[in-house]
Amino acid sequence: MQSSFVMFAMIMAFAFLMLIVIVSGPLSMLLKFILRSAVGAGILYALNIVLAPCGIYIGVNLFTSCFVGFLGLPGIGSLMIISHLLGV
């Protein structure tokens, strides 16, 4: 093998590994947010089943799921307060 090809292959392997390291941070954050939003949608659905007889209902959609995924438990509380204040 020629030394220039070996050097090129080493540089390309290093560049590929650096690209993986750079992209893995935001990608893991995005996957964590998607997972938290899915769990938030499930929790909202379960709360709607439990609290519907009391007249408390929060619509389960992409916005509310992402809101709960971003804020967590305080997001559920704030959605309940907003729902109560708006009378929805």
PDB file of N, CA and C in Angstrom:
ATOM      1  N   MET A   1       0.834  -1.187   0.000  1.00  0.00           N
ATOM      2  CA  MET A   1       0.000   0.000   0.000  1.00  0.00           C
ATOM      3  C   MET A   1       0.874   1.243   0.000  1.00  0.00           C
ATOM      4  N   GLN A   2       0.349   2.252  -0.585  1.00  0.00           N
ATOM      5  CA  GLN A   2       1.080   3.508  -0.605  1.00  0.00           C
ATOM      6  C   GLN A   2       0.833   4.243   0.705  1.00  0.00           C
ATOM      7  N   SER A   3       1.823   4.961   1.124  1.00  0.00           N
ATOM      8  CA  SER A   3       1.716   5.672   2.396  1.00  0.00           C
ATOM      9  C   SER A   3       0.688   6.802   2.341  1.00  0.00           C
ATOM     10  N   SER A   4       0.470   7.378   1.159  1.00  0.00           N
ATOM     11  CA  SER A   4      -0.527   8.449   1.049  1.00  0.00           C
ATOM     12  C   SER A   4      -1.946   7.900   1.261  1.00  0.00           C
ATOM     13  N   PHE A   5      -2.193   6.675   0.773  1.00  0.00           N
ATOM     14  CA  PHE A   5      -3.506   6.069   0.982  1.00  0.00           C
ATOM     15  C   PHE A   5      -3.736   5.751   2.451  1.00  0.00           C
ATOM     16  N   VAL A   6      -2.712   5.250   3.120  1.00  0.00           N
ATOM     17  CA  VAL A   6      -2.820   4.935   4.537  1.00  0.00           C
ATOM     18  C   VAL A   6      -3.066   6.210   5.335  1.00  0.00           C
ATOM     19  N   MET A   7      -2.363   7.265   5.005  1.00  0.00           N
ATOM     20  CA  MET A   7      -2.543   8.550   5.686  1.00  0.00           C
ATOM     21  C   MET A   7      -3.950   9.096   5.444  1.00  0.00           C
ATOM     22  N   PHE A   8      -4.446   8.992   4.206  1.00  0.00           N
ATOM     23  CA  PHE A   8      -5.794   9.448   3.886  1.00  0.00           C
ATOM     24  C   PHE A   8      -6.837   8.640   4.661  1.00  0.00           C
ATOM     25  N   ALA A   9      -6.658   7.328   4.739  1.00  0.00           N
ATOM     26  CA  ALA A   9      -7.588   6.476   5.461  1.00  0.00           C
ATOM     27  C   ALA A   9      -7.599   6.815   6.944  1.00  0.00           C
ATOM     28  N   MET A  10      -6.453   7.113   7.525  1.00  0.00           N
ATOM     29  CA  MET A  10      -6.385   7.479   8.936  1.00  0.00           C
ATOM     30  C   MET A  10      -7.077   8.815   9.187  1.00  0.00           C
ATOM     31  N   ILE A  11      -6.879   9.763   8.306  1.00  0.00           N
ATOM     32  CA  ILE A  11      -7.519  11.073   8.449  1.00  0.00           C
ATOM     33  C   ILE A  11      -9.031  10.944   8.318  1.00  0.00           C
ATOM     34  N   MET A  12      -9.491  10.137   7.359  1.00  0.00           N
ATOM     35  CA  MET A  12     -10.932   9.954   7.179  1.00  0.00           C
ATOM     36  C   MET A  12     -11.551   9.222   8.378  1.00  0.00           C
ATOM     37  N   ALA A  13     -10.866   8.246   8.934  1.00  0.00           N
ATOM     38  CA  ALA A  13     -11.365   7.539  10.110  1.00  0.00           C
ATOM     39  C   ALA A  13     -11.460   8.493  11.300  1.00  0.00           C
ATOM     40  N   PHE A  14     -10.447   9.335  11.473  1.00  0.00           N
ATOM     41  CA  PHE A  14     -10.468  10.322  12.554  1.00  0.00           C
ATOM     42  C   PHE A  14     -11.613  11.311  12.367  1.00  0.00           C
ATOM     43  N   ALA A  15     -11.814  11.787  11.133  1.00  0.00           N
ATOM     44  CA  ALA A  15     -12.889  12.734  10.856  1.00  0.00           C
ATOM     45  C   ALA A  15     -14.259  12.093  11.119  1.00  0.00           C
ATOM     46  N   PHE A  16     -14.403  10.825  10.737  1.00  0.00           N
ATOM     47  CA  PHE A  16     -15.660  10.127  10.962  1.00  0.00           C
ATOM     48  C   PHE A  16     -15.933   9.970  12.453  1.00  0.00           C
ATOM     49  N   LEU A  17     -14.928   9.608  13.224  1.00  0.00           N
ATOM     50  CA  LEU A  17     -15.095   9.465  14.664  1.00  0.00           C
ATOM     51  C   LEU A  17     -15.418  10.806  15.326  1.00  0.00           C
ATOM     52  N   MET A  18     -14.784  11.862  14.886  1.00  0.00           N
ATOM     53  CA  MET A  18     -15.082  13.192  15.424  1.00  0.00           C
ATOM     54  C   MET A  18     -16.512  13.608  15.089  1.00  0.00           C
ATOM     55  N   LEU A  19     -16.980  13.288  13.893  1.00  0.00           N
ATOM     56  CA  LEU A  19     -18.351  13.598  13.509  1.00  0.00           C
ATOM     57  C   LEU A  19     -19.339  12.856  14.400  1.00  0.00           C
ATOM     58  N   ILE A  20     -19.049  11.602  14.689  1.00  0.00           N
ATOM     59  CA  ILE A  20     -19.922  10.827  15.576  1.00  0.00           C
ATOM     60  C   ILE A  20     -19.950  11.448  16.970  1.00  0.00           C
ATOM     61  N   VAL A  21     -18.806  11.871  17.481  1.00  0.00           N
ATOM     62  CA  VAL A  21     -18.746  12.473  18.811  1.00  0.00           C
ATOM     63  C   VAL A  21     -19.522  13.796  18.840  1.00  0.00           C
ATOM     64  N   ILE A  22     -19.387  14.595  17.798  1.00  0.00           N
ATOM     65  CA  ILE A  22     -20.059  15.896  17.752  1.00  0.00           C
ATOM     66  C   ILE A  22     -21.567  15.729  17.650  1.00  0.00           C
ATOM     67  N   VAL A  23     -22.032  14.785  16.845  1.00  0.00           N
ATOM     68  CA  VAL A  23     -23.463  14.608  16.613  1.00  0.00           C
ATOM     69  C   VAL A  23     -24.137  13.845  17.758  1.00  0.00           C
ATOM     70  N   SER A  24     -23.400  13.042  18.493  1.00  0.00           N
ATOM     71  CA  SER A  24     -24.014  12.204  19.518  1.00  0.00           C
ATOM     72  C   SER A  24     -24.600  13.013  20.673  1.00  0.00           C
ATOM     73  N   GLY A  25     -24.042  14.157  20.994  1.00  0.00           N
ATOM     74  CA  GLY A  25     -24.573  14.984  22.083  1.00  0.00           C
ATOM     75  C   GLY A  25     -25.973  15.490  21.800  1.00  0.00           C
ATOM     76  N   PRO A  26     -26.174  16.248  20.726  1.00  0.00           N
ATOM     77  CA  PRO A  26     -27.524  16.728  20.422  1.00  0.00           C
ATOM     78  C   PRO A  26     -28.497  15.604  20.096  1.00  0.00           C
ATOM     79  N   LEU A  27     -27.998  14.538  19.489  1.00  0.00           N
ATOM     80  CA  LEU A  27     -28.877  13.425  19.157  1.00  0.00           C
ATOM     81  C   LEU A  27     -29.393  12.729  20.411  1.00  0.00           C
ATOM     82  N   SER A  28     -28.543  12.571  21.402  1.00  0.00           N
ATOM     83  CA  SER A  28     -28.999  11.945  22.648  1.00  0.00           C
ATOM     84  C   SER A  28     -29.992  12.850  23.375  1.00  0.00           C
ATOM     85  N   MET A  29     -29.781  14.159  23.316  1.00  0.00           N
ATOM     86  CA  MET A  29     -30.733  15.083  23.936  1.00  0.00           C
ATOM     87  C   MET A  29     -32.084  15.014  23.229  1.00  0.00           C
ATOM     88  N   LEU A  30     -32.068  14.924  21.906  1.00  0.00           N
ATOM     89  CA  LEU A  30     -33.309  14.831  21.147  1.00  0.00           C
ATOM     90  C   LEU A  30     -34.046  13.533  21.459  1.00  0.00           C
ATOM     91  N   LEU A  31     -33.324  12.433  21.532  1.00  0.00           N
ATOM     92  CA  LEU A  31     -33.955  11.154  21.862  1.00  0.00           C
ATOM     93  C   LEU A  31     -34.524  11.159  23.280  1.00  0.00           C
ATOM     94  N   LYS A  32     -33.822  11.786  24.204  1.00  0.00           N
ATOM     95  CA  LYS A  32     -34.320  11.888  25.579  1.00  0.00           C
ATOM     96  C   LYS A  32     -35.598  12.731  25.619  1.00  0.00           C
ATOM     97  N   PHE A  33     -35.650  13.821  24.851  1.00  0.00           N
ATOM     98  CA  PHE A  33     -36.837  14.668  24.805  1.00  0.00           C
ATOM     99  C   PHE A  33     -38.019  13.915  24.196  1.00  0.00           C
ATOM    100  N   ILE A  34     -37.774  13.150  23.141  1.00  0.00           N
ATOM    101  CA  ILE A  34     -38.844  12.369  22.514  1.00  0.00           C
ATOM    102  C   ILE A  34     -39.375  11.325  23.489  1.00  0.00           C
ATOM    103  N   LEU A  35     -38.478  10.667  24.207  1.00  0.00           N
ATOM    104  CA  LEU A  35     -38.898   9.667  25.189  1.00  0.00           C
ATOM    105  C   LEU A  35     -39.701  10.310  26.308  1.00  0.00           C
ATOM    106  N   ARG A  36     -39.232  11.449  26.811  1.00  0.00           N
ATOM    107  CA  ARG A  36     -39.966  12.135  27.882  1.00  0.00           C
ATOM    108  C   ARG A  36     -41.331  12.621  27.405  1.00  0.00           C
ATOM    109  N   SER A  37     -41.429  13.047  26.142  1.00  0.00           N
ATOM    110  CA  SER A  37     -42.717  13.482  25.602  1.00  0.00           C
ATOM    111  C   SER A  37     -43.681  12.313  25.475  1.00  0.00           C
ATOM    112  N   ALA A  38     -43.177  11.152  25.064  1.00  0.00           N
ATOM    113  CA  ALA A  38     -44.032   9.969  24.952  1.00  0.00           C
ATOM    114  C   ALA A  38     -44.523   9.534  26.333  1.00  0.00           C
ATOM    115  N   VAL A  39     -43.647   9.551  27.318  1.00  0.00           N
ATOM    116  CA  VAL A  39     -44.059   9.209  28.683  1.00  0.00           C
ATOM    117  C   VAL A  39     -45.052  10.249  29.196  1.00  0.00           C
ATOM    118  N   GLY A  40     -44.825  11.508  28.879  1.00  0.00           N
ATOM    119  CA  GLY A  40     -45.758  12.567  29.282  1.00  0.00           C
ATOM    120  C   GLY A  40     -47.133  12.377  28.670  1.00  0.00           C
ATOM    121  N   ALA A  41     -47.194  11.940  27.417  1.00  0.00           N
ATOM    122  CA  ALA A  41     -48.485  11.679  26.777  1.00  0.00           C
ATOM    123  C   ALA A  41     -49.204  10.533  27.487  1.00  0.00           C
ATOM    124  N   GLY A  42     -48.450   9.512  27.865  1.00  0.00           N
ATOM    125  CA  GLY A  42     -49.052   8.398  28.595  1.00  0.00           C
ATOM    126  C   GLY A  42     -49.578   8.818  29.953  1.00  0.00           C
ATOM    127  N   ILE A  43     -48.825   9.659  30.635  1.00  0.00           N
ATOM    128  CA  ILE A  43     -49.263  10.150  31.945  1.00  0.00           C
ATOM    129  C   ILE A  43     -50.501  11.029  31.801  1.00  0.00           C
ATOM    130  N   LEU A  44     -50.521  11.888  30.778  1.00  0.00           N
ATOM    131  CA  LEU A  44     -51.707  12.724  30.553  1.00  0.00           C
ATOM    132  C   LEU A  44     -52.928  11.860  30.256  1.00  0.00           C
ATOM    133  N   TYR A  45     -52.747  10.825  29.464  1.00  0.00           N
ATOM    134  CA  TYR A  45     -53.856   9.925  29.146  1.00  0.00           C
ATOM    135  C   TYR A  45     -54.372   9.238  30.408  1.00  0.00           C
ATOM    136  N   ALA A  46     -53.448   8.758  31.243  1.00  0.00           N
ATOM    137  CA  ALA A  46     -53.843   8.090  32.486  1.00  0.00           C
ATOM    138  C   ALA A  46     -54.550   9.072  33.426  1.00  0.00           C
ATOM    139  N   LEU A  47     -54.048  10.291  33.511  1.00  0.00           N
ATOM    140  CA  LEU A  47     -54.701  11.291  34.362  1.00  0.00           C
ATOM    141  C   LEU A  47     -56.090  11.637  33.854  1.00  0.00           C
ATOM    142  N   ASN A  48     -56.259  11.675  32.533  1.00  0.00           N
ATOM    143  CA  ASN A  48     -57.585  11.954  31.982  1.00  0.00           C
ATOM    144  C   ASN A  48     -58.571  10.855  32.347  1.00  0.00           C
ATOM    145  N   ILE A  49     -58.124   9.613  32.351  1.00  0.00           N
ATOM    146  CA  ILE A  49     -59.022   8.510  32.730  1.00  0.00           C
ATOM    147  C   ILE A  49     -59.400   8.621  34.201  1.00  0.00           C
ATOM    148  N   VAL A  50     -58.417   8.944  35.048  1.00  0.00           N
ATOM    149  CA  VAL A  50     -58.659   8.991  36.491  1.00  0.00           C
ATOM    150  C   VAL A  50     -59.444  10.239  36.889  1.00  0.00           C
ATOM    151  N   LEU A  51     -59.118  11.383  36.308  1.00  0.00           N
ATOM    152  CA  LEU A  51     -59.707  12.649  36.754  1.00  0.00           C
ATOM    153  C   LEU A  51     -60.919  13.106  35.942  1.00  0.00           C
ATOM    154  N   ALA A  52     -61.297  12.362  34.914  1.00  0.00           N
ATOM    155  CA  ALA A  52     -62.458  12.757  34.100  1.00  0.00           C
ATOM    156  C   ALA A  52     -63.741  12.818  34.916  1.00  0.00           C
ATOM    157  N   PRO A  53     -63.991  11.901  35.855  1.00  0.00           N
ATOM    158  CA  PRO A  53     -65.225  12.033  36.661  1.00  0.00           C
ATOM    159  C   PRO A  53     -65.261  13.304  37.504  1.00  0.00           C
ATOM    160  N   CYS A  54     -64.105  13.864  37.817  1.00  0.00           N
ATOM    161  CA  CYS A  54     -64.050  15.109  38.606  1.00  0.00           C
ATOM    162  C   CYS A  54     -64.193  16.348  37.739  1.00  0.00           C
ATOM    163  N   GLY A  55     -64.243  16.167  36.432  1.00  0.00           N
ATOM    164  CA  GLY A  55     -64.381  17.299  35.520  1.00  0.00           C
ATOM    165  C   GLY A  55     -63.054  17.900  35.090  1.00  0.00           C
ATOM    166  N   ILE A  56     -61.954  17.254  35.392  1.00  0.00           N
ATOM    167  CA  ILE A  56     -60.642  17.745  34.996  1.00  0.00           C
ATOM    168  C   ILE A  56     -60.197  16.964  33.774  1.00  0.00           C
ATOM    169  N   TYR A  57     -59.976  17.680  32.673  1.00  0.00           N
ATOM    170  CA  TYR A  57     -59.579  17.032  31.429  1.00  0.00           C
ATOM    171  C   TYR A  57     -58.527  17.885  30.734  1.00  0.00           C
ATOM    172  N   ILE A  58     -57.459  17.257  30.317  1.00  0.00           N
ATOM    173  CA  ILE A  58     -56.408  17.925  29.553  1.00  0.00           C
ATOM    174  C   ILE A  58     -56.269  17.176  28.241  1.00  0.00           C
ATOM    175  N   GLY A  59     -56.404  17.869  27.135  1.00  0.00           N
ATOM    176  CA  GLY A  59     -56.275  17.231  25.837  1.00  0.00           C
ATOM    177  C   GLY A  59     -54.864  16.685  25.618  1.00  0.00           C
ATOM    178  N   VAL A  60     -54.799  15.497  25.058  1.00  0.00           N
ATOM    179  CA  VAL A  60     -53.507  14.884  24.768  1.00  0.00           C
ATOM    180  C   VAL A  60     -53.213  15.114  23.288  1.00  0.00           C
ATOM    181  N   ASN A  61     -52.284  16.006  23.021  1.00  0.00           N
ATOM    182  CA  ASN A  61     -51.860  16.268  21.655  1.00  0.00           C
ATOM    183  C   ASN A  61     -50.349  16.520  21.651  1.00  0.00           C
ATOM    184  N   LEU A  62     -49.818  16.848  20.504  1.00  0.00           N
ATOM    185  CA  LEU A  62     -48.372  17.026  20.376  1.00  0.00           C
ATOM    186  C   LEU A  62     -47.870  18.176  21.251  1.00  0.00           C
ATOM    187  N   PHE A  63     -48.616  19.276  21.303  1.00  0.00           N
ATOM    188  CA  PHE A  63     -48.190  20.426  22.096  1.00  0.00           C
ATOM    189  C   PHE A  63     -48.134  20.101  23.583  1.00  0.00           C
ATOM    190  N   THR A  64     -49.208  19.498  24.104  1.00  0.00           N
ATOM    191  CA  THR A  64     -49.226  19.203  25.536  1.00  0.00           C
ATOM    192  C   THR A  64     -48.209  18.126  25.891  1.00  0.00           C
ATOM    193  N   SER A  65     -48.017  17.154  25.001  1.00  0.00           N
ATOM    194  CA  SER A  65     -47.018  16.113  25.256  1.00  0.00           C
ATOM    195  C   SER A  65     -45.618  16.701  25.292  1.00  0.00           C
ATOM    196  N   CYS A  66     -45.306  17.594  24.359  1.00  0.00           N
ATOM    197  CA  CYS A  66     -43.985  18.237  24.354  1.00  0.00           C
ATOM    198  C   CYS A  66     -43.823  19.158  25.556  1.00  0.00           C
ATOM    199  N   PHE A  67     -44.889  19.822  25.967  1.00  0.00           N
ATOM    200  CA  PHE A  67     -44.862  20.688  27.136  1.00  0.00           C
ATOM    201  C   PHE A  67     -44.520  19.893  28.381  1.00  0.00           C
ATOM    202  N   VAL A  68     -45.183  18.744  28.544  1.00  0.00           N
ATOM    203  CA  VAL A  68     -44.907  17.884  29.691  1.00  0.00           C
ATOM    204  C   VAL A  68     -43.523  17.258  29.555  1.00  0.00           C
ATOM    205  N   GLY A  69     -43.112  16.924  28.334  1.00  0.00           N
ATOM    206  CA  GLY A  69     -41.783  16.366  28.123  1.00  0.00           C
ATOM    207  C   GLY A  69     -40.688  17.357  28.470  1.00  0.00           C
ATOM    208  N   PHE A  70     -40.934  18.623  28.237  1.00  0.00           N
ATOM    209  CA  PHE A  70     -39.938  19.653  28.525  1.00  0.00           C
ATOM    210  C   PHE A  70     -39.920  20.015  30.009  1.00  0.00           C
ATOM    211  N   LEU A  71     -41.108  20.180  30.623  1.00  0.00           N
ATOM    212  CA  LEU A  71     -41.177  20.643  32.010  1.00  0.00           C
ATOM    213  C   LEU A  71     -41.324  19.527  33.037  1.00  0.00           C
ATOM    214  N   GLY A  72     -41.825  18.374  32.631  1.00  0.00           N
ATOM    215  CA  GLY A  72     -41.997  17.280  33.570  1.00  0.00           C
ATOM    216  C   GLY A  72     -43.245  17.460  34.421  1.00  0.00           C
ATOM    217  N   LEU A  73     -43.137  17.130  35.689  1.00  0.00           N
ATOM    218  CA  LEU A  73     -44.276  17.204  36.607  1.00  0.00           C
ATOM    219  C   LEU A  73     -44.831  18.629  36.757  1.00  0.00           C
ATOM    220  N   PRO A  74     -43.995  19.669  36.830  1.00  0.00           N
ATOM    221  CA  PRO A  74     -44.570  21.025  36.857  1.00  0.00           C
ATOM    222  C   PRO A  74     -45.358  21.361  35.594  1.00  0.00           C
ATOM    223  N   GLY A  75     -45.020  20.733  34.488  1.00  0.00           N
ATOM    224  CA  GLY A  75     -45.772  20.943  33.252  1.00  0.00           C
ATOM    225  C   GLY A  75     -47.178  20.402  33.355  1.00  0.00           C
ATOM    226  N   ILE A  76     -47.325  19.252  34.003  1.00  0.00           N
ATOM    227  CA  ILE A  76     -48.668  18.690  34.207  1.00  0.00           C
ATOM    228  C   ILE A  76     -49.495  19.608  35.099  1.00  0.00           C
ATOM    229  N   GLY A  77     -48.869  20.081  36.167  1.00  0.00           N
ATOM    230  CA  GLY A  77     -49.572  21.003  37.060  1.00  0.00           C
ATOM    231  C   GLY A  77     -49.969  22.296  36.368  1.00  0.00           C
ATOM    232  N   SER A  78     -49.079  22.843  35.581  1.00  0.00           N
ATOM    233  CA  SER A  78     -49.409  24.098  34.902  1.00  0.00           C
ATOM    234  C   SER A  78     -50.481  23.886  33.840  1.00  0.00           C
ATOM    235  N   LEU A  79     -50.486  22.726  33.169  1.00  0.00           N
ATOM    236  CA  LEU A  79     -51.566  22.451  32.218  1.00  0.00           C
ATOM    237  C   LEU A  79     -52.906  22.323  32.930  1.00  0.00           C
ATOM    238  N   MET A  80     -52.902  21.742  34.116  1.00  0.00           N
ATOM    239  CA  MET A  80     -54.154  21.636  34.891  1.00  0.00           C
ATOM    240  C   MET A  80     -54.646  23.017  35.304  1.00  0.00           C
ATOM    241  N   ILE A  81     -53.739  23.875  35.718  1.00  0.00           N
ATOM    242  CA  ILE A  81     -54.115  25.234  36.109  1.00  0.00           C
ATOM    243  C   ILE A  81     -54.638  26.017  34.916  1.00  0.00           C
ATOM    244  N   ILE A  82     -53.954  25.909  33.777  1.00  0.00           N
ATOM    245  CA  ILE A  82     -54.393  26.598  32.565  1.00  0.00           C
ATOM    246  C   ILE A  82     -55.759  26.084  32.136  1.00  0.00           C
ATOM    247  N   SER A  83     -55.966  24.783  32.205  1.00  0.00           N
ATOM    248  CA  SER A  83     -57.255  24.200  31.831  1.00  0.00           C
ATOM    249  C   SER A  83     -58.357  24.720  32.750  1.00  0.00           C
ATOM    250  N   HIS A  84     -58.057  24.827  34.025  1.00  0.00           N
ATOM    251  CA  HIS A  84     -59.046  25.330  34.989  1.00  0.00           C
ATOM    252  C   HIS A  84     -59.342  26.806  34.760  1.00  0.00           C
ATOM    253  N   LEU A  85     -58.302  27.610  34.511  1.00  0.00           N
ATOM    254  CA  LEU A  85     -58.507  29.046  34.313  1.00  0.00           C
ATOM    255  C   LEU A  85     -59.273  29.341  33.025  1.00  0.00           C
ATOM    256  N   LEU A  86     -59.002  28.568  31.977  1.00  0.00           N
ATOM    257  CA  LEU A  86     -59.698  28.802  30.716  1.00  0.00           C
ATOM    258  C   LEU A  86     -61.082  28.178  30.700  1.00  0.00           C
ATOM    259  N   GLY A  87     -61.344  27.289  31.649  1.00  0.00           N
ATOM    260  CA  GLY A  87     -62.653  26.647  31.712  1.00  0.00           C
ATOM    261  C   GLY A  87     -62.873  25.647  30.602  1.00  0.00           C
ATOM    262  N   VAL A  88     -61.808  25.066  30.120  1.00  0.00           N
ATOM    263  CA  VAL A  88     -61.918  24.099  29.019  1.00  0.00           C
ATOM    264  C   VAL A  88     -62.136  22.726  29.576  1.00  0.00           C
TER     265      VAL A  88
END
